[in-house]
Amino acid sequence: VFILDTDRALVLLEEYCKKLRKPEEQQLKKAIRKVMGIFKSSLFQALLGSFKKKATRHGTTSHTSLPAALACDVLGCPKD
């Protein structure tokens, strides 16, 4: 289980969006912006908080960030 780092994932997604300039990339850019909106939502943050509390209680957290790891996996970013 991972410590949830939405701020890092949002930074990675924003950096990737800046690279999407071609007309054929605009649909992907729009989809990524929707995901970013979800990550910023209070409902998502509350769910992450609940998940993190449960993981911490069970001693199953690690130093890796789940949202950032997902963003890196999708975008091909190097892992820490």
PDB file of N, CA and C in Angstrom:
ATOM      1  N   VAL A   1       0.861  -1.177   0.000  1.00  0.00           N
ATOM      2  CA  VAL A   1       0.000   0.000   0.000  1.00  0.00           C
ATOM      3  C   VAL A   1       0.901   1.232   0.000  1.00  0.00           C
ATOM      4  N   PHE A   2       0.403   2.334  -0.509  1.00  0.00           N
ATOM      5  CA  PHE A   2       1.221   3.508  -0.735  1.00  0.00           C
ATOM      6  C   PHE A   2       0.721   4.723   0.040  1.00  0.00           C
ATOM      7  N   ILE A   3       1.651   5.592   0.413  1.00  0.00           N
ATOM      8  CA  ILE A   3       1.266   6.911   0.906  1.00  0.00           C
ATOM      9  C   ILE A   3       0.739   7.673  -0.297  1.00  0.00           C
ATOM     10  N   LEU A   4      -0.342   8.371  -0.121  1.00  0.00           N
ATOM     11  CA  LEU A   4      -1.020   9.007  -1.237  1.00  0.00           C
ATOM     12  C   LEU A   4      -0.559  10.451  -1.394  1.00  0.00           C
ATOM     13  N   ASP A   5       0.060  10.754  -2.499  1.00  0.00           N
ATOM     14  CA  ASP A   5       0.649  12.060  -2.752  1.00  0.00           C
ATOM     15  C   ASP A   5       0.028  12.676  -3.998  1.00  0.00           C
ATOM     16  N   THR A   6      -1.151  13.261  -3.834  1.00  0.00           N
ATOM     17  CA  THR A   6      -1.844  13.838  -4.982  1.00  0.00           C
ATOM     18  C   THR A   6      -1.133  15.085  -5.492  1.00  0.00           C
ATOM     19  N   ASP A   7      -0.473  15.828  -4.620  1.00  0.00           N
ATOM     20  CA  ASP A   7       0.235  17.028  -5.066  1.00  0.00           C
ATOM     21  C   ASP A   7       1.301  16.675  -6.097  1.00  0.00           C
ATOM     22  N   ARG A   8       2.042  15.630  -5.840  1.00  0.00           N
ATOM     23  CA  ARG A   8       3.089  15.205  -6.782  1.00  0.00           C
ATOM     24  C   ARG A   8       2.471  14.730  -8.090  1.00  0.00           C
ATOM     25  N   ALA A   9       1.386  13.976  -7.994  1.00  0.00           N
ATOM     26  CA  ALA A   9       0.704  13.508  -9.203  1.00  0.00           C
ATOM     27  C   ALA A   9       0.182  14.683 -10.014  1.00  0.00           C
ATOM     28  N   LEU A  10      -0.364  15.677  -9.339  1.00  0.00           N
ATOM     29  CA  LEU A  10      -0.879  16.854 -10.035  1.00  0.00           C
ATOM     30  C   LEU A  10       0.233  17.615 -10.743  1.00  0.00           C
ATOM     31  N   VAL A  11       1.380  17.724 -10.110  1.00  0.00           N
ATOM     32  CA  VAL A  11       2.528  18.395 -10.740  1.00  0.00           C
ATOM     33  C   VAL A  11       2.953  17.638 -11.995  1.00  0.00           C
ATOM     34  N   LEU A  12       3.043  16.318 -11.899  1.00  0.00           N
ATOM     35  CA  LEU A  12       3.433  15.511 -13.051  1.00  0.00           C
ATOM     36  C   LEU A  12       2.419  15.632 -14.185  1.00  0.00           C
ATOM     37  N   LEU A  13       1.146  15.598 -13.835  1.00  0.00           N
ATOM     38  CA  LEU A  13       0.112  15.718 -14.858  1.00  0.00           C
ATOM     39  C   LEU A  13       0.129  17.100 -15.509  1.00  0.00           C
ATOM     40  N   GLU A  14       0.337  18.135 -14.713  1.00  0.00           N
ATOM     41  CA  GLU A  14       0.401  19.499 -15.248  1.00  0.00           C
ATOM     42  C   GLU A  14       1.590  19.643 -16.201  1.00  0.00           C
ATOM     43  N   GLU A  15       2.734  19.098 -15.817  1.00  0.00           N
ATOM     44  CA  GLU A  15       3.918  19.147 -16.675  1.00  0.00           C
ATOM     45  C   GLU A  15       3.655  18.437 -18.000  1.00  0.00           C
ATOM     46  N   TYR A  16       2.987  17.299 -17.923  1.00  0.00           N
ATOM     47  CA  TYR A  16       2.673  16.547 -19.136  1.00  0.00           C
ATOM     48  C   TYR A  16       1.700  17.328 -20.015  1.00  0.00           C
ATOM     49  N   CYS A  17       0.691  17.953 -19.407  1.00  0.00           N
ATOM     50  CA  CYS A  17      -0.291  18.740 -20.164  1.00  0.00           C
ATOM     51  C   CYS A  17       0.375  19.874 -20.936  1.00  0.00           C
ATOM     52  N   LYS A  18       1.384  20.468 -20.357  1.00  0.00           N
ATOM     53  CA  LYS A  18       2.087  21.563 -21.020  1.00  0.00           C
ATOM     54  C   LYS A  18       2.757  21.114 -22.309  1.00  0.00           C
ATOM     55  N   LYS A  19       3.077  19.826 -22.393  1.00  0.00           N
ATOM     56  CA  LYS A  19       3.730  19.286 -23.582  1.00  0.00           C
ATOM     57  C   LYS A  19       2.734  18.953 -24.694  1.00  0.00           C
ATOM     58  N   LEU A  20       1.452  18.909 -24.354  1.00  0.00           N
ATOM     59  CA  LEU A  20       0.428  18.540 -25.331  1.00  0.00           C
ATOM     60  C   LEU A  20      -0.032  19.783 -26.075  1.00  0.00           C
ATOM     61  N   ARG A  21       0.510  19.979 -27.262  1.00  0.00           N
ATOM     62  CA  ARG A  21       0.225  21.198 -28.029  1.00  0.00           C
ATOM     63  C   ARG A  21      -0.427  20.908 -29.376  1.00  0.00           C
ATOM     64  N   LYS A  22      -0.239  19.728 -29.884  1.00  0.00           N
ATOM     65  CA  LYS A  22      -0.774  19.385 -31.200  1.00  0.00           C
ATOM     66  C   LYS A  22      -2.302  19.272 -31.130  1.00  0.00           C
ATOM     67  N   PRO A  23      -2.983  19.605 -32.215  1.00  0.00           N
ATOM     68  CA  PRO A  23      -4.453  19.512 -32.225  1.00  0.00           C
ATOM     69  C   PRO A  23      -4.965  18.116 -31.862  1.00  0.00           C
ATOM     70  N   GLU A  24      -4.269  17.082 -32.319  1.00  0.00           N
ATOM     71  CA  GLU A  24      -4.725  15.714 -32.030  1.00  0.00           C
ATOM     72  C   GLU A  24      -4.501  15.314 -30.565  1.00  0.00           C
ATOM     73  N   GLU A  25      -3.742  16.103 -29.818  1.00  0.00           N
ATOM     74  CA  GLU A  25      -3.481  15.819 -28.398  1.00  0.00           C
ATOM     75  C   GLU A  25      -4.455  16.537 -27.460  1.00  0.00           C
ATOM     76  N   GLN A  26      -5.308  17.372 -28.003  1.00  0.00           N
ATOM     77  CA  GLN A  26      -6.178  18.193 -27.161  1.00  0.00           C
ATOM     78  C   GLN A  26      -7.234  17.375 -26.429  1.00  0.00           C
ATOM     79  N   GLN A  27      -7.698  16.290 -27.033  1.00  0.00           N
ATOM     80  CA  GLN A  27      -8.666  15.430 -26.344  1.00  0.00           C
ATOM     81  C   GLN A  27      -8.011  14.765 -25.129  1.00  0.00           C
ATOM     82  N   LEU A  28      -6.782  14.304 -25.288  1.00  0.00           N
ATOM     83  CA  LEU A  28      -6.035  13.727 -24.162  1.00  0.00           C
ATOM     84  C   LEU A  28      -5.812  14.779 -23.089  1.00  0.00           C
ATOM     85  N   LYS A  29      -5.439  15.989 -23.498  1.00  0.00           N
ATOM     86  CA  LYS A  29      -5.213  17.073 -22.550  1.00  0.00           C
ATOM     87  C   LYS A  29      -6.485  17.361 -21.750  1.00  0.00           C
ATOM     88  N   LYS A  30      -7.620  17.364 -22.415  1.00  0.00           N
ATOM     89  CA  LYS A  30      -8.901  17.600 -21.747  1.00  0.00           C
ATOM     90  C   LYS A  30      -9.200  16.489 -20.736  1.00  0.00           C
ATOM     91  N   ALA A  31      -8.919  15.244 -21.107  1.00  0.00           N
ATOM     92  CA  ALA A  31      -9.147  14.109 -20.205  1.00  0.00           C
ATOM     93  C   ALA A  31      -8.234  14.195 -18.980  1.00  0.00           C
ATOM     94  N   ILE A  32      -6.976  14.567 -19.203  1.00  0.00           N
ATOM     95  CA  ILE A  32      -6.036  14.698 -18.081  1.00  0.00           C
ATOM     96  C   ILE A  32      -6.488  15.814 -17.145  1.00  0.00           C
ATOM     97  N   ARG A  33      -6.978  16.906 -17.698  1.00  0.00           N
ATOM     98  CA  ARG A  33      -7.474  18.017 -16.869  1.00  0.00           C
ATOM     99  C   ARG A  33      -8.666  17.553 -16.015  1.00  0.00           C
ATOM    100  N   LYS A  34      -9.510  16.663 -16.557  1.00  0.00           N
ATOM    101  CA  LYS A  34     -10.628  16.115 -15.777  1.00  0.00           C
ATOM    102  C   LYS A  34     -10.103  15.290 -14.604  1.00  0.00           C
ATOM    103  N   VAL A  35      -9.092  14.478 -14.866  1.00  0.00           N
ATOM    104  CA  VAL A  35      -8.484  13.675 -13.800  1.00  0.00           C
ATOM    105  C   VAL A  35      -7.895  14.590 -12.730  1.00  0.00           C
ATOM    106  N   MET A  36      -7.254  15.661 -13.165  1.00  0.00           N
ATOM    107  CA  MET A  36      -6.679  16.621 -12.221  1.00  0.00           C
ATOM    108  C   MET A  36      -7.779  17.237 -11.361  1.00  0.00           C
ATOM    109  N   GLY A  37      -8.913  17.542 -11.975  1.00  0.00           N
ATOM    110  CA  GLY A  37     -10.045  18.081 -11.224  1.00  0.00           C
ATOM    111  C   GLY A  37     -10.551  17.102 -10.179  1.00  0.00           C
ATOM    112  N   ILE A  38     -10.558  15.825 -10.537  1.00  0.00           N
ATOM    113  CA  ILE A  38     -10.981  14.791  -9.590  1.00  0.00           C
ATOM    114  C   ILE A  38     -10.001  14.717  -8.429  1.00  0.00           C
ATOM    115  N   PHE A  39      -8.689  14.728  -8.739  1.00  0.00           N
ATOM    116  CA  PHE A  39      -7.680  14.686  -7.679  1.00  0.00           C
ATOM    117  C   PHE A  39      -7.825  15.869  -6.723  1.00  0.00           C
ATOM    118  N   LYS A  40      -8.262  17.010  -7.226  1.00  0.00           N
ATOM    119  CA  LYS A  40      -8.404  18.214  -6.404  1.00  0.00           C
ATOM    120  C   LYS A  40      -9.725  18.253  -5.642  1.00  0.00           C
ATOM    121  N   SER A  41     -10.662  17.389  -5.982  1.00  0.00           N
ATOM    122  CA  SER A  41     -11.993  17.441  -5.370  1.00  0.00           C
ATOM    123  C   SER A  41     -11.954  17.057  -3.891  1.00  0.00           C
ATOM    124  N   SER A  42     -12.863  17.631  -3.143  1.00  0.00           N
ATOM    125  CA  SER A  42     -12.927  17.334  -1.708  1.00  0.00           C
ATOM    126  C   SER A  42     -13.343  15.883  -1.464  1.00  0.00           C
ATOM    127  N   LEU A  43     -14.174  15.312  -2.322  1.00  0.00           N
ATOM    128  CA  LEU A  43     -14.568  13.915  -2.158  1.00  0.00           C
ATOM    129  C   LEU A  43     -13.361  13.000  -2.324  1.00  0.00           C
ATOM    130  N   PHE A  44     -12.577  13.218  -3.358  1.00  0.00           N
ATOM    131  CA  PHE A  44     -11.386  12.399  -3.582  1.00  0.00           C
ATOM    132  C   PHE A  44     -10.414  12.530  -2.419  1.00  0.00           C
ATOM    133  N   GLN A  45     -10.193  13.752  -1.961  1.00  0.00           N
ATOM    134  CA  GLN A  45      -9.286  13.980  -0.833  1.00  0.00           C
ATOM    135  C   GLN A  45      -9.785  13.272   0.427  1.00  0.00           C
ATOM    136  N   ALA A  46     -11.101  13.294   0.647  1.00  0.00           N
ATOM    137  CA  ALA A  46     -11.668  12.603   1.813  1.00  0.00           C
ATOM    138  C   ALA A  46     -11.472  11.094   1.703  1.00  0.00           C
ATOM    139  N   LEU A  47     -11.673  10.545   0.506  1.00  0.00           N
ATOM    140  CA  LEU A  47     -11.466   9.114   0.305  1.00  0.00           C
ATOM    141  C   LEU A  47     -10.005   8.739   0.514  1.00  0.00           C
ATOM    142  N   LEU A  48      -9.097   9.571   0.028  1.00  0.00           N
ATOM    143  CA  LEU A  48      -7.668   9.313   0.237  1.00  0.00           C
ATOM    144  C   LEU A  48      -7.319   9.351   1.720  1.00  0.00           C
ATOM    145  N   GLY A  49      -7.883  10.324   2.416  1.00  0.00           N
ATOM    146  CA  GLY A  49      -7.629  10.438   3.854  1.00  0.00           C
ATOM    147  C   GLY A  49      -8.097   9.206   4.594  1.00  0.00           C
ATOM    148  N   SER A  50      -9.265   8.709   4.227  1.00  0.00           N
ATOM    149  CA  SER A  50      -9.806   7.508   4.855  1.00  0.00           C
ATOM    150  C   SER A  50      -8.923   6.301   4.548  1.00  0.00           C
ATOM    151  N   PHE A  51      -8.503   6.180   3.306  1.00  0.00           N
ATOM    152  CA  PHE A  51      -7.645   5.075   2.900  1.00  0.00           C
ATOM    153  C   PHE A  51      -6.306   5.125   3.634  1.00  0.00           C
ATOM    154  N   LYS A  52      -5.748   6.325   3.720  1.00  0.00           N
ATOM    155  CA  LYS A  52      -4.455   6.482   4.388  1.00  0.00           C
ATOM    156  C   LYS A  52      -4.555   6.117   5.868  1.00  0.00           C
ATOM    157  N   LYS A  53      -5.646   6.524   6.526  1.00  0.00           N
ATOM    158  CA  LYS A  53      -5.833   6.187   7.936  1.00  0.00           C
ATOM    159  C   LYS A  53      -5.903   4.680   8.127  1.00  0.00           C
ATOM    160  N   LYS A  54      -6.658   3.998   7.256  1.00  0.00           N
ATOM    161  CA  LYS A  54      -6.782   2.538   7.361  1.00  0.00           C
ATOM    162  C   LYS A  54      -5.437   1.868   7.133  1.00  0.00           C
ATOM    163  N   ALA A  55      -4.695   2.330   6.115  1.00  0.00           N
ATOM    164  CA  ALA A  55      -3.394   1.737   5.817  1.00  0.00           C
ATOM    165  C   ALA A  55      -2.417   1.958   6.959  1.00  0.00           C
ATOM    166  N   THR A  56      -2.442   3.145   7.533  1.00  0.00           N
ATOM    167  CA  THR A  56      -1.553   3.466   8.653  1.00  0.00           C
ATOM    168  C   THR A  56      -1.892   2.602   9.863  1.00  0.00           C
ATOM    169  N   ARG A  57      -3.184   2.445  10.136  1.00  0.00           N
ATOM    170  CA  ARG A  57      -3.629   1.604  11.255  1.00  0.00           C
ATOM    171  C   ARG A  57      -3.139   0.174  11.107  1.00  0.00           C
ATOM    172  N   HIS A  58      -3.105  -0.305   9.877  1.00  0.00           N
ATOM    173  CA  HIS A  58      -2.698  -1.681   9.622  1.00  0.00           C
ATOM    174  C   HIS A  58      -1.204  -1.804   9.355  1.00  0.00           C
ATOM    175  N   GLY A  59      -0.491  -0.668   9.390  1.00  0.00           N
ATOM    176  CA  GLY A  59       0.960  -0.697   9.196  1.00  0.00           C
ATOM    177  C   GLY A  59       1.373  -1.119   7.800  1.00  0.00           C
ATOM    178  N   THR A  60       0.576  -0.729   6.794  1.00  0.00           N
ATOM    179  CA  THR A  60       0.855  -1.199   5.434  1.00  0.00           C
ATOM    180  C   THR A  60       1.257  -0.081   4.485  1.00  0.00           C
ATOM    181  N   THR A  61       1.710   1.053   4.999  1.00  0.00           N
ATOM    182  CA  THR A  61       2.117   2.139   4.106  1.00  0.00           C
ATOM    183  C   THR A  61       3.586   2.007   3.738  1.00  0.00           C
ATOM    184  N   SER A  62       3.948   2.595   2.642  1.00  0.00           N
ATOM    185  CA  SER A  62       5.354   2.665   2.234  1.00  0.00           C
ATOM    186  C   SER A  62       5.635   4.081   1.777  1.00  0.00           C
ATOM    187  N   HIS A  63       6.859   4.346   1.361  1.00  0.00           N
ATOM    188  CA  HIS A  63       7.242   5.706   0.966  1.00  0.00           C
ATOM    189  C   HIS A  63       6.778   6.076  -0.435  1.00  0.00           C
ATOM    190  N   THR A  64       6.326   5.117  -1.231  1.00  0.00           N
ATOM    191  CA  THR A  64       5.950   5.386  -2.613  1.00  0.00           C
ATOM    192  C   THR A  64       4.569   6.031  -2.687  1.00  0.00           C
ATOM    193  N   SER A  65       4.397   6.944  -3.607  1.00  0.00           N
ATOM    194  CA  SER A  65       3.150   7.663  -3.802  1.00  0.00           C
ATOM    195  C   SER A  65       2.286   6.959  -4.837  1.00  0.00           C
ATOM    196  N   LEU A  66       1.063   6.560  -4.470  1.00  0.00           N
ATOM    197  CA  LEU A  66       0.177   5.882  -5.405  1.00  0.00           C
ATOM    198  C   LEU A  66      -0.230   6.780  -6.564  1.00  0.00           C
ATOM    199  N   PRO A  67      -0.809   7.986  -6.340  1.00  0.00           N
ATOM    200  CA  PRO A  67      -1.181   8.801  -7.498  1.00  0.00           C
ATOM    201  C   PRO A  67       0.018   9.169  -8.371  1.00  0.00           C
ATOM    202  N   ALA A  68       1.136   9.497  -7.762  1.00  0.00           N
ATOM    203  CA  ALA A  68       2.318   9.843  -8.543  1.00  0.00           C
ATOM    204  C   ALA A  68       2.827   8.615  -9.297  1.00  0.00           C
ATOM    205  N   ALA A  69       2.796   7.449  -8.656  1.00  0.00           N
ATOM    206  CA  ALA A  69       3.233   6.225  -9.324  1.00  0.00           C
ATOM    207  C   ALA A  69       2.331   5.912 -10.511  1.00  0.00           C
ATOM    208  N   LEU A  70       1.022   6.112 -10.336  1.00  0.00           N
ATOM    209  CA  LEU A  70       0.090   5.897 -11.439  1.00  0.00           C
ATOM    210  C   LEU A  70       0.358   6.876 -12.570  1.00  0.00           C
ATOM    211  N   ALA A  71       0.558   8.138 -12.215  1.00  0.00           N
ATOM    212  CA  ALA A  71       0.842   9.151 -13.238  1.00  0.00           C
ATOM    213  C   ALA A  71       2.133   8.803 -13.975  1.00  0.00           C
ATOM    214  N   CYS A  72       3.155   8.396 -13.253  1.00  0.00           N
ATOM    215  CA  CYS A  72       4.424   8.034 -13.879  1.00  0.00           C
ATOM    216  C   CYS A  72       4.263   6.807 -14.755  1.00  0.00           C
ATOM    217  N   ASP A  73       3.487   5.842 -14.290  1.00  0.00           N
ATOM    218  CA  ASP A  73       3.277   4.635 -15.072  1.00  0.00           C
ATOM    219  C   ASP A  73       2.582   4.962 -16.385  1.00  0.00           C
ATOM    220  N   VAL A  74       1.561   5.801 -16.326  1.00  0.00           N
ATOM    221  CA  VAL A  74       0.800   6.177 -17.511  1.00  0.00           C
ATOM    222  C   VAL A  74       1.639   7.063 -18.428  1.00  0.00           C
ATOM    223  N   LEU A  75       2.380   8.015 -17.837  1.00  0.00           N
ATOM    224  CA  LEU A  75       3.111   8.999 -18.626  1.00  0.00           C
ATOM    225  C   LEU A  75       4.543   8.586 -18.940  1.00  0.00           C
ATOM    226  N   GLY A  76       5.005   7.479 -18.365  1.00  0.00           N
ATOM    227  CA  GLY A  76       6.355   7.025 -18.636  1.00  0.00           C
ATOM    228  C   GLY A  76       7.422   7.792 -17.884  1.00  0.00           C
ATOM    229  N   CYS A  77       7.095   8.320 -16.726  1.00  0.00           N
ATOM    230  CA  CYS A  77       8.066   9.068 -15.910  1.00  0.00           C
ATOM    231  C   CYS A  77       9.000   8.096 -15.212  1.00  0.00           C
ATOM    232  N   PRO A  78      10.230   8.517 -14.927  1.00  0.00           N
ATOM    233  CA  PRO A  78      11.137   7.647 -14.162  1.00  0.00           C
ATOM    234  C   PRO A  78      10.663   7.525 -12.723  1.00  0.00           C
ATOM    235  N   LYS A  79      10.833   6.362 -12.156  1.00  0.00           N
ATOM    236  CA  LYS A  79      10.461   6.118 -10.755  1.00  0.00           C
ATOM    237  C   LYS A  79      11.558   6.657  -9.846  1.00  0.00           C
ATOM    238  N   ASP A  80      11.170   7.023  -8.578  1.00  0.00           N
ATOM    239  CA  ASP A  80      12.156   7.505  -7.586  1.00  0.00           C
ATOM    240  C   ASP A  80      13.023   6.363  -7.116  1.00  0.00           C
TER     241      ASP A  80
END
